[in-house]
Each structure stands twice: as structure tokens, then as C-alpha cells.
Amino acid sequence: MMVGFGFAGLLVMLVFWGGLILGAVWLVKVIFQSSGRNLSEPVSSGNAREILDQRYARGEITRDQYEKMREDLQV
């Protein structure tokens, strides 16, 4: 005699394993984001002018801010 849960058992098993996998992915994502550094960004190396140029190219600062900072660096 076979006793089982049939389709409902299969559905519960899929929900359980899916939730477990999604929870593990979420946990890994939270752990790596808490390091405070985006791993896809390269470490800046170079002088201040190069760093300023990179920030402007990435859109982190406006043109006015860029020009003001560039003038400050030239002094």
C-alpha cells in the first residue's frame, strides 16, 4: 500500500526548497553588500586630477562642481 501526499506534497516540497534557495541567495547578497565597497568598481589609483576626471565621467558630479574642483587643484 502506498500512502503519500500526492500533488500537495510535491507543491509543499517545491515551495520549501525554493524558499530555502532564495533565502540563501538573499543572505549572501546582504553579507557582501555590508562590506561597504562595491566589488565591481576598481580601486582608484592615480593623482587627484585623474580621480576628478573619473568622477565626472561617471556622472557623480556636475559640470560646475567639476570645474570648481579642477580650479582648486590647479592652485
N, C-alpha and C. Protein backbone atom coordinates (compact mmCIF):
# COMPACT_ATOMS: atom_id res chain seq x y z
N MET A 1 0.82 -1.17 0.00
CA MET A 1 0.00 0.00 0.00
C MET A 1 0.88 1.25 0.00
N MET A 2 0.59 2.18 -0.89
CA MET A 2 1.35 3.43 -0.96
C MET A 2 0.50 4.55 -0.36
N VAL A 3 1.08 5.20 0.62
CA VAL A 3 0.40 6.33 1.22
C VAL A 3 1.29 7.54 1.01
N GLY A 4 0.75 8.62 0.49
CA GLY A 4 1.55 9.81 0.24
C GLY A 4 0.66 11.03 0.18
N PHE A 5 1.28 12.11 -0.10
CA PHE A 5 0.55 13.36 -0.14
C PHE A 5 0.20 13.78 -1.56
N GLY A 6 0.74 13.09 -2.54
CA GLY A 6 0.40 13.37 -3.92
C GLY A 6 0.87 14.73 -4.37
N PHE A 7 0.04 15.42 -5.13
CA PHE A 7 0.38 16.71 -5.70
C PHE A 7 0.63 17.77 -4.63
N ALA A 8 -0.13 17.73 -3.55
CA ALA A 8 0.05 18.70 -2.47
C ALA A 8 1.43 18.55 -1.83
N GLY A 9 1.88 17.35 -1.66
CA GLY A 9 3.21 17.10 -1.09
C GLY A 9 4.30 17.62 -2.00
N LEU A 10 4.14 17.42 -3.30
CA LEU A 10 5.11 17.92 -4.27
C LEU A 10 5.16 19.44 -4.24
N LEU A 11 4.00 20.07 -4.16
CA LEU A 11 3.93 21.53 -4.12
C LEU A 11 4.58 22.08 -2.85
N VAL A 12 4.33 21.45 -1.72
CA VAL A 12 4.94 21.89 -0.46
C VAL A 12 6.45 21.73 -0.53
N MET A 13 6.93 20.65 -1.11
CA MET A 13 8.37 20.42 -1.23
C MET A 13 9.01 21.48 -2.13
N LEU A 14 8.39 21.82 -3.25
CA LEU A 14 8.93 22.84 -4.15
C LEU A 14 8.96 24.21 -3.49
N VAL A 15 7.92 24.54 -2.77
CA VAL A 15 7.89 25.83 -2.06
C VAL A 15 8.97 25.87 -0.99
N PHE A 16 9.16 24.79 -0.27
CA PHE A 16 10.18 24.73 0.79
C PHE A 16 11.58 24.92 0.21
N TRP A 17 11.94 24.14 -0.82
CA TRP A 17 13.28 24.23 -1.39
C TRP A 17 13.49 25.55 -2.12
N GLY A 18 12.47 26.05 -2.78
CA GLY A 18 12.58 27.36 -3.43
C GLY A 18 12.82 28.47 -2.42
N GLY A 19 12.08 28.42 -1.32
CA GLY A 19 12.28 29.41 -0.26
C GLY A 19 13.65 29.31 0.38
N LEU A 20 14.12 28.11 0.55
CA LEU A 20 15.44 27.90 1.14
C LEU A 20 16.54 28.45 0.23
N ILE A 21 16.43 28.19 -1.06
CA ILE A 21 17.43 28.69 -2.01
C ILE A 21 17.38 30.21 -2.11
N LEU A 22 16.18 30.78 -2.22
CA LEU A 22 16.05 32.24 -2.28
C LEU A 22 16.57 32.90 -1.01
N GLY A 23 16.32 32.29 0.13
CA GLY A 23 16.84 32.82 1.39
C GLY A 23 18.36 32.81 1.44
N ALA A 24 18.96 31.76 0.93
CA ALA A 24 20.42 31.67 0.90
C ALA A 24 21.01 32.73 -0.02
N VAL A 25 20.40 32.92 -1.19
CA VAL A 25 20.87 33.95 -2.13
C VAL A 25 20.76 35.33 -1.50
N TRP A 26 19.64 35.61 -0.86
CA TRP A 26 19.43 36.90 -0.20
C TRP A 26 20.47 37.12 0.90
N LEU A 27 20.76 36.10 1.68
CA LEU A 27 21.73 36.21 2.76
C LEU A 27 23.13 36.52 2.23
N VAL A 28 23.53 35.85 1.18
CA VAL A 28 24.85 36.10 0.57
C VAL A 28 24.90 37.53 0.03
N LYS A 29 23.83 37.98 -0.59
CA LYS A 29 23.78 39.34 -1.13
C LYS A 29 23.91 40.37 -0.01
N VAL A 30 23.22 40.18 1.09
CA VAL A 30 23.29 41.10 2.22
C VAL A 30 24.68 41.12 2.82
N ILE A 31 25.30 39.98 2.96
CA ILE A 31 26.63 39.91 3.55
C ILE A 31 27.65 40.66 2.70
N PHE A 32 27.60 40.48 1.39
CA PHE A 32 28.58 41.13 0.53
C PHE A 32 28.30 42.62 0.35
N GLN A 33 27.05 43.05 0.45
CA GLN A 33 26.75 44.47 0.36
C GLN A 33 27.15 45.21 1.63
N SER A 34 27.18 44.53 2.74
CA SER A 34 27.51 45.19 4.00
C SER A 34 29.00 45.51 4.12
N SER A 35 29.80 45.01 3.18
CA SER A 35 31.23 45.30 3.23
C SER A 35 31.51 46.76 2.95
N GLY A 36 30.54 47.51 2.38
CA GLY A 36 30.68 48.93 2.17
C GLY A 36 31.37 49.30 0.87
N ARG A 37 31.84 48.35 0.13
CA ARG A 37 32.55 48.64 -1.11
C ARG A 37 31.93 47.83 -2.22
N ASN A 38 31.66 48.49 -3.33
CA ASN A 38 31.13 47.81 -4.49
C ASN A 38 32.28 47.08 -5.18
N LEU A 39 32.20 45.78 -5.27
CA LEU A 39 33.29 44.99 -5.81
C LEU A 39 33.46 45.17 -7.31
N SER A 40 32.46 45.71 -7.99
CA SER A 40 32.58 45.89 -9.43
C SER A 40 33.35 47.16 -9.78
N GLU A 41 33.52 48.07 -8.81
CA GLU A 41 34.27 49.29 -9.07
C GLU A 41 35.75 49.06 -8.80
N PRO A 42 36.60 49.45 -9.73
CA PRO A 42 38.03 49.29 -9.49
C PRO A 42 38.53 50.26 -8.42
N VAL A 43 39.59 49.88 -7.78
CA VAL A 43 40.20 50.75 -6.78
C VAL A 43 40.86 51.91 -7.51
N SER A 44 40.57 53.12 -7.05
CA SER A 44 41.13 54.30 -7.71
C SER A 44 42.61 54.40 -7.40
N SER A 45 43.38 54.55 -8.45
CA SER A 45 44.79 54.80 -8.26
C SER A 45 45.17 55.91 -9.23
N GLY A 46 45.89 56.87 -8.76
CA GLY A 46 46.28 57.98 -9.60
C GLY A 46 46.22 59.27 -8.82
N ASN A 47 46.51 60.33 -9.52
CA ASN A 47 46.52 61.61 -8.83
C ASN A 47 45.10 62.16 -8.73
N ALA A 48 44.99 63.29 -8.05
CA ALA A 48 43.68 63.87 -7.79
C ALA A 48 42.96 64.27 -9.07
N ARG A 49 43.69 64.74 -10.06
CA ARG A 49 43.06 65.17 -11.32
C ARG A 49 42.45 63.97 -12.05
N GLU A 50 43.13 62.83 -12.04
CA GLU A 50 42.59 61.64 -12.69
C GLU A 50 41.32 61.16 -11.98
N ILE A 51 41.34 61.20 -10.66
CA ILE A 51 40.17 60.79 -9.89
C ILE A 51 39.01 61.73 -10.17
N LEU A 52 39.29 63.03 -10.24
CA LEU A 52 38.25 64.01 -10.55
C LEU A 52 37.67 63.75 -11.94
N ASP A 53 38.53 63.48 -12.92
CA ASP A 53 38.07 63.18 -14.27
C ASP A 53 37.18 61.94 -14.30
N GLN A 54 37.56 60.92 -13.53
CA GLN A 54 36.77 59.68 -13.48
C GLN A 54 35.40 59.93 -12.85
N ARG A 55 35.37 60.72 -11.79
CA ARG A 55 34.09 61.02 -11.13
C ARG A 55 33.16 61.79 -12.06
N TYR A 56 33.71 62.72 -12.82
CA TYR A 56 32.91 63.48 -13.77
C TYR A 56 32.42 62.58 -14.91
N ALA A 57 33.27 61.70 -15.38
CA ALA A 57 32.89 60.79 -16.46
C ALA A 57 31.79 59.82 -16.02
N ARG A 58 31.81 59.41 -14.75
CA ARG A 58 30.77 58.51 -14.24
C ARG A 58 29.48 59.24 -13.92
N GLY A 59 29.52 60.59 -13.94
CA GLY A 59 28.31 61.36 -13.65
C GLY A 59 28.07 61.58 -12.18
N GLU A 60 29.07 61.39 -11.36
CA GLU A 60 28.92 61.58 -9.92
C GLU A 60 28.86 63.05 -9.54
N ILE A 61 29.45 63.92 -10.36
CA ILE A 61 29.46 65.35 -10.07
C ILE A 61 29.02 66.11 -11.32
N THR A 62 28.50 67.31 -11.11
CA THR A 62 28.04 68.14 -12.22
C THR A 62 29.22 68.85 -12.86
N ARG A 63 28.95 69.48 -14.00
CA ARG A 63 29.99 70.23 -14.71
C ARG A 63 30.50 71.38 -13.86
N ASP A 64 29.60 72.08 -13.19
CA ASP A 64 30.02 73.20 -12.33
C ASP A 64 30.92 72.73 -11.19
N GLN A 65 30.54 71.62 -10.56
CA GLN A 65 31.36 71.07 -9.49
C GLN A 65 32.72 70.65 -10.02
N TYR A 66 32.72 70.03 -11.20
CA TYR A 66 33.97 69.57 -11.82
C TYR A 66 34.91 70.76 -12.07
N GLU A 67 34.37 71.81 -12.68
CA GLU A 67 35.21 72.97 -13.00
C GLU A 67 35.74 73.65 -11.74
N LYS A 68 34.90 73.75 -10.70
CA LYS A 68 35.34 74.36 -9.44
C LYS A 68 36.45 73.53 -8.80
N MET A 69 36.28 72.23 -8.77
CA MET A 69 37.30 71.36 -8.17
C MET A 69 38.58 71.37 -8.99
N ARG A 70 38.46 71.42 -10.31
CA ARG A 70 39.63 71.47 -11.17
C ARG A 70 40.42 72.75 -10.92
N GLU A 71 39.71 73.87 -10.76
CA GLU A 71 40.39 75.14 -10.45
C GLU A 71 41.09 75.06 -9.10
N ASP A 72 40.44 74.43 -8.12
CA ASP A 72 41.05 74.28 -6.80
C ASP A 72 42.33 73.45 -6.87
N LEU A 73 42.34 72.46 -7.72
CA LEU A 73 43.53 71.60 -7.83
C LEU A 73 44.68 72.30 -8.55
N GLN A 74 44.38 73.25 -9.40
CA GLN A 74 45.41 73.93 -10.16
C GLN A 74 46.15 74.97 -9.30
N VAL A 75 45.54 75.39 -8.23
CA VAL A 75 46.15 76.42 -7.39
C VAL A 75 47.27 75.85 -6.55
